[in-house]
C-alpha atoms as a PDB file:
ATOM      1  CA  MET A   1    -200.174-170.861  -3.309  1.00  0.00           C
ATOM      2  CA  SER A   2    -198.195-171.006  -6.547  1.00  0.00           C
ATOM      3  CA  GLU A   3    -194.441-171.428  -6.819  1.00  0.00           C
ATOM      4  CA  ILE A   4    -194.035-168.103  -8.610  1.00  0.00           C
ATOM      5  CA  SER A   5    -196.062-166.227  -5.951  1.00  0.00           C
ATOM      6  CA  VAL A   6    -193.815-167.652  -3.235  1.00  0.00           C
ATOM      7  CA  TYR A   7    -190.719-166.721  -5.251  1.00  0.00           C
ATOM      8  CA  VAL A   8    -191.870-163.109  -5.811  1.00  0.00           C
ATOM      9  CA  GLY A   9    -192.929-162.822  -2.169  1.00  0.00           C
ATOM     10  CA  GLN A  10    -189.476-163.920  -1.005  1.00  0.00           C
ATOM     11  CA  ARG A  11    -187.867-161.378  -3.325  1.00  0.00           C
ATOM     12  CA  ILE A  12    -190.107-158.591  -1.935  1.00  0.00           C
ATOM     13  CA  ARG A  13    -189.277-159.542   1.658  1.00  0.00           C
ATOM     14  CA  LYS A  14    -185.551-159.663   0.961  1.00  0.00           C
ATOM     15  CA  SER A  15    -185.621-156.294  -0.831  1.00  0.00           C
ATOM     16  CA  ARG A  16    -187.728-154.663   1.894  1.00  0.00           C
ATOM     17  CA  LYS A  17    -185.354-155.826   4.605  1.00  0.00           C
ATOM     18  CA  GLY A  18    -182.402-154.722   2.511  1.00  0.00           C
ATOM     19  CA  LYS A  19    -183.891-151.222   2.478  1.00  0.00           C
ATOM     20  CA  GLY A  20    -184.278-151.315   6.275  1.00  0.00           C
ATOM     21  CA  LEU A  21    -188.089-151.092   6.103  1.00  0.00           C
ATOM     22  CA  THR A  22    -190.411-152.734   8.624  1.00  0.00           C
ATOM     23  CA  ILE A  23    -193.650-154.303   7.362  1.00  0.00           C
ATOM     24  CA  ASP A  24    -195.538-151.357   8.919  1.00  0.00           C
ATOM     25  CA  ASP A  25    -193.379-148.805   7.104  1.00  0.00           C
ATOM     26  CA  PHE A  26    -193.647-150.637   3.823  1.00  0.00           C
ATOM     27  CA  ALA A  27    -197.414-151.138   4.128  1.00  0.00           C
ATOM     28  CA  LYS A  28    -197.864-147.372   4.487  1.00  0.00           C
ATOM     29  CA  LYS A  29    -195.721-146.742   1.407  1.00  0.00           C
ATOM     30  CA  ILE A  30    -197.955-148.879  -0.814  1.00  0.00           C
ATOM     31  CA  ASN A  31    -201.245-148.077   0.981  1.00  0.00           C
ATOM     32  CA  LYS A  32    -201.884-151.641   2.087  1.00  0.00           C
ATOM     33  CA  SER A  33    -202.488-153.223   5.468  1.00  0.00           C
ATOM     34  CA  LYS A  34    -199.707-154.976   7.358  1.00  0.00           C
ATOM     35  CA  ALA A  35    -201.631-158.260   7.042  1.00  0.00           C
ATOM     36  CA  THR A  36    -201.897-157.874   3.268  1.00  0.00           C
ATOM     37  CA  VAL A  37    -198.178-157.162   2.888  1.00  0.00           C
ATOM     38  CA  SER A  38    -197.420-160.225   5.010  1.00  0.00           C
ATOM     39  CA  LYS A  39    -199.554-162.342   2.659  1.00  0.00           C
ATOM     40  CA  TYR A  40    -197.764-160.881  -0.365  1.00  0.00           C
ATOM     41  CA  GLU A  41    -194.415-161.844   1.136  1.00  0.00           C
ATOM     42  CA  ASN A  42    -195.608-165.337   2.079  1.00  0.00           C
ATOM     43  CA  GLY A  43    -196.956-165.884  -1.426  1.00  0.00           C
ATOM     44  CA  THR A  44    -200.526-166.550  -0.267  1.00  0.00           C
ATOM     45  CA  ILE A  45    -201.921-163.689  -2.399  1.00  0.00           C
ATOM     46  CA  ALA A  46    -201.214-163.366  -6.119  1.00  0.00           C
ATOM     47  CA  LEU A  47    -200.073-159.843  -6.988  1.00  0.00           C
ATOM     48  CA  ASP A  48    -201.789-157.802  -9.689  1.00  0.00           C
ATOM     49  CA  ILE A  49    -199.692-155.701 -12.078  1.00  0.00           C
ATOM     50  CA  GLU A  50    -200.601-152.332 -10.531  1.00  0.00           C
ATOM     51  CA  THR A  51    -199.632-153.454  -7.020  1.00  0.00           C
ATOM     52  CA  LEU A  52    -196.422-155.018  -8.301  1.00  0.00           C
ATOM     53  CA  LEU A  53    -195.468-151.719  -9.949  1.00  0.00           C
ATOM     54  CA  ASP A  54    -196.275-149.839  -6.719  1.00  0.00           C
ATOM     55  CA  ILE A  55    -194.065-152.240  -4.756  1.00  0.00           C
ATOM     56  CA  ALA A  56    -191.162-151.874  -7.209  1.00  0.00           C
ATOM     57  CA  GLU A  57    -191.449-148.071  -7.040  1.00  0.00           C
ATOM     58  CA  ALA A  58    -191.552-148.106  -3.228  1.00  0.00           C
ATOM     59  CA  LEU A  59    -188.435-150.301  -3.171  1.00  0.00           C
ATOM     60  CA  GLU A  60    -186.751-148.156  -5.860  1.00  0.00           C
ATOM     61  CA  MET A  61    -186.213-151.261  -7.991  1.00  0.00           C
ATOM     62  CA  ASP A  62    -186.788-152.302 -11.566  1.00  0.00           C
ATOM     63  CA  VAL A  63    -189.936-154.451 -11.551  1.00  0.00           C
ATOM     64  CA  LYS A  64    -188.179-157.207 -13.501  1.00  0.00           C
ATOM     65  CA  SER A  65    -185.871-157.703 -10.507  1.00  0.00           C
ATOM     66  CA  LEU A  66    -188.895-158.869  -8.513  1.00  0.00           C
ATOM     67  CA  ILE A  67    -190.242-161.249 -11.132  1.00  0.00           C
ATOM     68  CA  ASP A  68    -187.117-162.819 -12.624  1.00  0.00           C
ATOM     69  CA  TYR A  69    -188.588-166.250 -11.934  1.00  0.00           C
ATOM     70  CA  LYS A  70    -187.300-168.865 -14.374  1.00  0.00           C
ATOM     71  CA  SER A  71    -189.657-171.753 -15.017  1.00  0.00           C
ATOM     72  CA  PRO A  72    -187.972-175.171 -14.883  1.00  0.00           C
ATOM     73  CA  ASN A  73    -190.042-176.108 -17.959  1.00  0.00           C
ATOM     74  CA  LEU A  74    -188.420-173.505 -20.217  1.00  0.00           C
ATOM     75  CA  ARG A  75    -185.634-174.557 -22.521  1.00  0.00           C
ATOM     76  CA  PRO A  76    -182.466-172.493 -22.093  1.00  0.00           C
ATOM     77  CA  THR A  77    -182.048-169.714 -24.645  1.00  0.00           C
ATOM     78  CA  GLN A  78    -179.120-170.003 -27.004  1.00  0.00           C
ATOM     79  CA  LEU A  79    -176.556-167.447 -25.860  1.00  0.00           C
ATOM     80  CA  PRO A  80    -174.561-165.483 -28.441  1.00  0.00           C
ATOM     81  CA  ALA A  81    -171.474-165.777 -26.266  1.00  0.00           C
ATOM     82  CA  ASN A  82    -167.876-166.973 -26.637  1.00  0.00           C
ATOM     83  CA  SER A  83    -166.291-170.396 -26.224  1.00  0.00           C
ATOM     84  CA  PHE A  84    -166.272-170.127 -22.407  1.00  0.00           C
ATOM     85  CA  PHE A  85    -169.523-168.285 -21.657  1.00  0.00           C
ATOM     86  CA  SER A  86    -171.760-170.676 -23.545  1.00  0.00           C
ATOM     87  CA  GLN A  87    -174.150-171.903 -20.825  1.00  0.00           C
ATOM     88  CA  SER A  88    -176.739-170.239 -18.589  1.00  0.00           C
ATOM     89  CA  SER A  89    -175.152-170.556 -15.112  1.00  0.00           C
ATOM     90  CA  TYR A  90    -171.640-170.055 -13.697  1.00  0.00           C
ATOM     91  CA  TYR A  91    -170.015-170.119 -10.264  1.00  0.00           C
ATOM     92  CA  MET A  92    -167.867-167.229  -9.056  1.00  0.00           C
ATOM     93  CA  TYR A  93    -165.478-167.211  -6.098  1.00  0.00           C
ATOM     94  CA  TYR A  94    -163.241-164.671  -4.384  1.00  0.00           C
ATOM     95  CA  TYR A  95    -161.415-164.597  -1.078  1.00  0.00           C
ATOM     96  CA  ASP A  96    -162.407-161.772   1.288  1.00  0.00           C
ATOM     97  CA  GLY A  97    -159.561-161.045   3.702  1.00  0.00           C
ATOM     98  CA  ARG A  98    -161.854-158.960   5.897  1.00  0.00           C
ATOM     99  CA  ILE A  99    -163.890-161.998   6.930  1.00  0.00           C
ATOM    100  CA  LYS A 100    -161.205-164.615   6.124  1.00  0.00           C
ATOM    101  CA  LYS A 101    -163.650-166.557   3.948  1.00  0.00           C
ATOM    102  CA  VAL A 102    -164.347-167.465   0.345  1.00  0.00           C
ATOM    103  CA  VAL A 103    -167.346-165.567  -1.035  1.00  0.00           C
ATOM    104  CA  ARG A 104    -169.495-167.619  -3.413  1.00  0.00           C
ATOM    105  CA  SER A 105    -171.817-166.290  -6.108  1.00  0.00           C
ATOM    106  CA  VAL A 106    -173.933-167.612  -8.954  1.00  0.00           C
ATOM    107  CA  ILE A 107    -173.932-165.803 -12.298  1.00  0.00           C
ATOM    108  CA  GLN A 108    -176.981-166.453 -14.485  1.00  0.00           C
ATOM    109  CA  LEU A 109    -177.057-165.464 -18.156  1.00  0.00           C
ATOM    110  CA  SER A 110    -179.946-164.968 -20.571  1.00  0.00           C
ATOM    111  CA  ALA A 111    -180.253-163.539 -24.062  1.00  0.00           C
ATOM    112  CA  ALA A 112    -180.912-159.771 -23.903  1.00  0.00           C
ATOM    113  CA  ALA A 113    -184.378-158.498 -24.737  1.00  0.00           C
ATOM    114  CA  ASP A 114    -183.040-155.570 -26.780  1.00  0.00           C
ATOM    115  CA  GLU A 115    -182.051-155.599 -30.440  1.00  0.00           C
ATOM    116  CA  ASP A 116    -178.322-156.147 -29.919  1.00  0.00           C
ATOM    117  CA  PRO A 117    -177.619-159.875 -30.463  1.00  0.00           C
ATOM    118  CA  ASP A 118    -174.211-159.603 -28.782  1.00  0.00           C
ATOM    119  CA  ARG A 119    -175.517-158.305 -25.437  1.00  0.00           C
ATOM    120  CA  ILE A 120    -176.429-160.702 -22.660  1.00  0.00           C
ATOM    121  CA  ASP A 121    -178.487-160.041 -19.519  1.00  0.00           C
ATOM    122  CA  VAL A 122    -176.782-161.019 -16.268  1.00  0.00           C
ATOM    123  CA  THR A 123    -178.154-161.693 -12.784  1.00  0.00           C
ATOM    124  CA  MET A 124    -175.609-162.352 -10.036  1.00  0.00           C
ATOM    125  CA  TYR A 125    -176.522-163.749  -6.622  1.00  0.00           C
ATOM    126  CA  MET A 126    -173.615-162.802  -4.371  1.00  0.00           C
ATOM    127  CA  GLY A 127    -172.734-164.102  -0.931  1.00  0.00           C
ATOM    128  CA  LEU A 128    -174.071-167.666  -0.762  1.00  0.00           C
ATOM    129  CA  GLU A 129    -173.356-170.136   2.017  1.00  0.00           C
ATOM    130  CA  ASN A 130    -173.893-172.810  -0.628  1.00  0.00           C
ATOM    131  CA  PHE A 131    -175.204-172.911  -4.168  1.00  0.00           C
ATOM    132  CA  SER A 132    -178.459-174.758  -3.480  1.00  0.00           C
ATOM    133  CA  ASN A 133    -180.656-171.690  -2.900  1.00  0.00           C
ATOM    134  CA  THR A 134    -179.914-168.352  -4.573  1.00  0.00           C
ATOM    135  CA  GLU A 135    -182.739-166.717  -2.580  1.00  0.00           C
ATOM    136  CA  LYS A 136    -180.424-166.781   0.453  1.00  0.00           C
ATOM    137  CA  SER A 137    -177.851-164.580  -1.273  1.00  0.00           C
ATOM    138  CA  GLN A 138    -176.685-161.456   0.536  1.00  0.00           C
ATOM    139  CA  HIS A 139    -176.887-159.292  -2.598  1.00  0.00           C
ATOM    140  CA  ILE A 140    -178.587-159.436  -6.001  1.00  0.00           C
ATOM    141  CA  PHE A 141    -176.970-157.666  -8.952  1.00  0.00           C
ATOM    142  CA  GLU A 142    -178.257-157.239 -12.480  1.00  0.00           C
ATOM    143  CA  GLY A 143    -176.590-155.923 -15.586  1.00  0.00           C
ATOM    144  CA  LYS A 144    -175.095-156.699 -18.979  1.00  0.00           C
ATOM    145  CA  MET A 145    -172.298-158.822 -20.390  1.00  0.00           C
ATOM    146  CA  LEU A 146    -170.148-158.045 -23.410  1.00  0.00           C
ATOM    147  CA  PRO A 147    -168.275-161.232 -24.431  1.00  0.00           C
ATOM    148  CA  TYR A 148    -165.324-161.282 -26.786  1.00  0.00           C
ATOM    149  CA  ASP A 149    -162.951-164.042 -27.882  1.00  0.00           C
ATOM    150  CA  THR A 150    -160.265-163.414 -25.254  1.00  0.00           C
ATOM    151  CA  ILE A 151    -161.965-161.229 -22.645  1.00  0.00           C
ATOM    152  CA  THR A 152    -165.440-160.736 -21.158  1.00  0.00           C
ATOM    153  CA  HIS A 153    -166.846-157.574 -19.538  1.00  0.00           C
ATOM    154  CA  ILE A 154    -169.753-157.561 -17.077  1.00  0.00           C
ATOM    155  CA  ASN A 155    -171.309-154.400 -15.575  1.00  0.00           C
ATOM    156  CA  LEU A 156    -173.710-154.886 -12.659  1.00  0.00           C
ATOM    157  CA  THR A 157    -175.960-152.820 -10.372  1.00  0.00           C
ATOM    158  CA  ASN A 158    -177.069-153.868  -6.873  1.00  0.00           C
ATOM    159  CA  GLN A 159    -180.865-154.160  -7.038  1.00  0.00           C
ATOM    160  CA  ILE A 160    -181.339-153.131  -3.409  1.00  0.00           C
ATOM    161  CA  ASN A 161    -178.742-150.367  -3.236  1.00  0.00           C
ATOM    162  CA  ARG A 162    -178.495-148.963  -6.772  1.00  0.00           C
ATOM    163  CA  THR A 163    -175.529-146.751  -5.872  1.00  0.00           C
ATOM    164  CA  GLU A 164    -173.413-149.926  -5.693  1.00  0.00           C
ATOM    165  CA  LEU A 165    -171.962-150.817  -9.085  1.00  0.00           C
ATOM    166  CA  LEU A 166    -169.604-153.680  -9.965  1.00  0.00           C
ATOM    167  CA  TYR A 167    -167.401-154.296 -12.955  1.00  0.00           C
ATOM    168  CA  LEU A 168    -166.034-157.752 -13.779  1.00  0.00           C
ATOM    169  CA  CYS A 169    -163.161-158.093 -16.235  1.00  0.00           C
ATOM    170  CA  ILE A 170    -162.640-161.799 -16.982  1.00  0.00           C
ATOM    171  CA  LEU A 171    -159.864-163.406 -19.013  1.00  0.00           C
ATOM    172  CA  ASN A 172    -161.422-166.210 -21.027  1.00  0.00           C
ATOM    173  CA  PRO A 173    -159.385-169.384 -20.410  1.00  0.00           C
ATOM    174  CA  LEU A 174    -157.357-170.947 -23.189  1.00  0.00           C
ATOM    175  CA  HIS A 175    -159.011-174.279 -22.414  1.00  0.00           C
ATOM    176  CA  ALA A 176    -162.830-174.291 -22.421  1.00  0.00           C
ATOM    177  CA  HIS A 177    -162.995-176.662 -19.403  1.00  0.00           C
ATOM    178  CA  SER A 178    -160.618-174.591 -17.283  1.00  0.00           C
ATOM    179  CA  PRO A 179    -161.945-171.957 -14.835  1.00  0.00           C
ATOM    180  CA  ALA A 180    -161.416-168.298 -15.757  1.00  0.00           C
ATOM    181  CA  VAL A 181    -159.659-165.649 -13.674  1.00  0.00           C
ATOM    182  CA  GLY A 182    -160.318-161.928 -13.540  1.00  0.00           C
ATOM    183  CA  ILE A 183    -160.882-158.848 -11.406  1.00  0.00           C
ATOM    184  CA  LEU A 184    -164.024-157.614  -9.680  1.00  0.00           C
ATOM    185  CA  SER A 185    -163.951-153.900  -8.897  1.00  0.00           C
ATOM    186  CA  GLY A 186    -166.379-151.601  -7.145  1.00  0.00           C
ATOM    187  CA  ILE A 187    -167.073-150.074  -3.737  1.00  0.00           C
ATOM    188  CA  GLY A 188    -166.123-152.030  -0.637  1.00  0.00           C
ATOM    189  CA  SER A 189    -168.296-152.198   2.481  1.00  0.00           C
ATOM    190  CA  SER A 190    -167.362-152.190   6.203  1.00  0.00           C
ATOM    191  CA  PRO A 191    -164.784-151.569   7.641  1.00  0.00           C
ATOM    192  CA  PHE A 192    -164.093-149.134   4.812  1.00  0.00           C
ATOM    193  CA  PHE A 193    -166.184-147.519   2.100  1.00  0.00           C
ATOM    194  CA  ALA A 194    -163.737-147.107  -0.754  1.00  0.00           C
ATOM    195  CA  PRO A 195    -162.980-148.411  -4.252  1.00  0.00           C
ATOM    196  CA  ILE A 196    -161.635-151.992  -4.178  1.00  0.00           C
ATOM    197  CA  GLY A 197    -160.517-154.714  -6.580  1.00  0.00           C
ATOM    198  CA  VAL A 198    -160.424-158.443  -5.873  1.00  0.00           C
ATOM    199  CA  LYS A 199    -159.206-161.474  -7.794  1.00  0.00           C
ATOM    200  CA  ILE A 200    -162.061-163.712  -8.943  1.00  0.00           C
ATOM    201  CA  LEU A 201    -162.372-167.259 -10.213  1.00  0.00           C
ATOM    202  CA  VAL A 202    -165.284-168.159 -12.521  1.00  0.00           C
ATOM    203  CA  SER A 203    -166.148-171.775 -13.290  1.00  0.00           C
ATOM    204  CA  LYS A 204    -168.708-173.700 -15.315  1.00  0.00           C
ATOM    205  CA  ASN A 205    -169.023-176.201 -12.463  1.00  0.00           C
ATOM    206  CA  GLN A 206    -168.753-176.065  -8.678  1.00  0.00           C
ATOM    207  CA  LEU A 207    -165.189-176.436  -7.470  1.00  0.00           C
ATOM    208  CA  VAL A 208    -163.703-178.304  -4.537  1.00  0.00           C
ATOM    209  CA  GLU A 209    -162.305-175.656  -2.198  1.00  0.00           C
ATOM    210  CA  ASP A 210    -159.059-177.441  -1.420  1.00  0.00           C
ATOM    211  CA  GLU A 211    -155.458-176.251  -1.132  1.00  0.00           C
ATOM    212  CA  ALA A 212    -155.003-175.978  -4.925  1.00  0.00           C
ATOM    213  CA  PHE A 213    -158.173-173.881  -5.145  1.00  0.00           C
ATOM    214  CA  ARG A 214    -156.976-171.553  -2.364  1.00  0.00           C
ATOM    215  CA  SER A 215    -153.596-171.118  -4.031  1.00  0.00           C
ATOM    216  CA  VAL A 216    -155.384-169.762  -7.105  1.00  0.00           C
ATOM    217  CA  ILE A 217    -158.086-167.637  -5.473  1.00  0.00           C
ATOM    218  CA  GLU A 218    -155.796-165.852  -3.005  1.00  0.00           C
ATOM    219  CA  LEU A 219    -153.246-163.271  -4.118  1.00  0.00           C
ATOM    220  CA  GLY A 220    -149.869-164.966  -4.384  1.00  0.00           C
ATOM    221  CA  LYS A 221    -146.255-163.852  -4.504  1.00  0.00           C
ATOM    222  CA  GLU A 222    -146.389-163.111  -8.229  1.00  0.00           C
ATOM    223  CA  ASP A 223    -149.506-160.966  -7.764  1.00  0.00           C
ATOM    224  CA  THR A 224    -147.961-158.892  -4.964  1.00  0.00           C
ATOM    225  CA  LYS A 225    -144.677-158.637  -6.898  1.00  0.00           C
ATOM    226  CA  ASN A 226    -146.521-157.142  -9.875  1.00  0.00           C
ATOM    227  CA  LEU A 227    -148.457-154.828  -7.563  1.00  0.00           C
ATOM    228  CA  LYS A 228    -145.250-153.404  -6.098  1.00  0.00           C
ATOM    229  CA  HIS A 229    -143.411-153.253  -9.425  1.00  0.00           C
ATOM    230  CA  TYR A 230    -146.134-151.710 -11.610  1.00  0.00           C
ATOM    231  CA  ASN A 231    -148.248-150.041  -8.916  1.00  0.00           C
ATOM    232  CA  MET A 232    -151.126-151.957 -10.467  1.00  0.00           C
ATOM    233  CA  MET A 233    -153.090-155.060  -9.594  1.00  0.00           C
ATOM    234  CA  VAL A 234    -152.310-157.364 -12.526  1.00  0.00           C
ATOM    235  CA  ILE A 235    -154.106-160.681 -13.019  1.00  0.00           C
ATOM    236  CA  ASN A 236    -152.341-162.610 -15.772  1.00  0.00           C
ATOM    237  CA  ARG A 237    -153.996-165.421 -17.680  1.00  0.00           C
ATOM    238  CA  PRO A 238    -152.541-168.626 -16.189  1.00  0.00           C
ATOM    239  CA  SER A 239    -151.953-171.894 -17.964  1.00  0.00           C
ATOM    240  CA  PRO A 240    -155.124-174.028 -17.948  1.00  0.00           C
ATOM    241  CA  LEU A 241    -156.414-174.566 -14.399  1.00  0.00           C
ATOM    242  CA  PHE A 242    -157.636-178.099 -13.890  1.00  0.00           C
ATOM    243  CA  LEU A 243    -159.073-177.749 -10.388  1.00  0.00           C
ATOM    244  CA  LYS A 244    -161.203-180.466  -8.815  1.00  0.00           C
ATOM    245  CA  GLU A 245    -164.931-180.229  -9.505  1.00  0.00           C
ATOM    246  CA  LYS A 246    -167.755-181.414  -7.291  1.00  0.00           C
END
């Protein structure tokens, strides 16, 4: 079995489970046997284009979300970005008070396939126990980035539940080696289904999650003071953050 077949099979399995479909249910949707679907998901059968399109349609996904495999032999594409977003991978963190844990994500960038040289394709793997395997992410989002000198905008759609949209507004740091801060907004999940906004930290390298890190990622006194005073969640650009890197 090839590496790409295994990768696509894992993506199909993850998406199927995310939709709440059993192998039996999914096999009926694409007119295949349960055994065949199992082989697709294990990567023991190479998928033809027609079947891949049928699978994407059954999962209500864009087919490119199933085959976004990146060969380790490819040279990274030059990104028409700004001074901070100038590489292909970034690490994003936020603190979720509902579960009392830091949520980790990987943001991957690639030059857009359309004619606009300033637009960048984004894939975000959200909810990782660690950064070693993005296939174990809880959610996969795809979308576009619009980078400017002082601020960067990212709009994302959940590839399993396309009603879930996220918007990231990131303040580019004054120092290129400092992490960036910003706000992630969208729809929150259990125990409430309502619009939310959380403070995020985006870094070029993995960060040590120590006391200094927590003091930045969690809302502090100044944040809550601004919230009460302006009735707005305000994330100001801090002085350069030189947090410990792994």
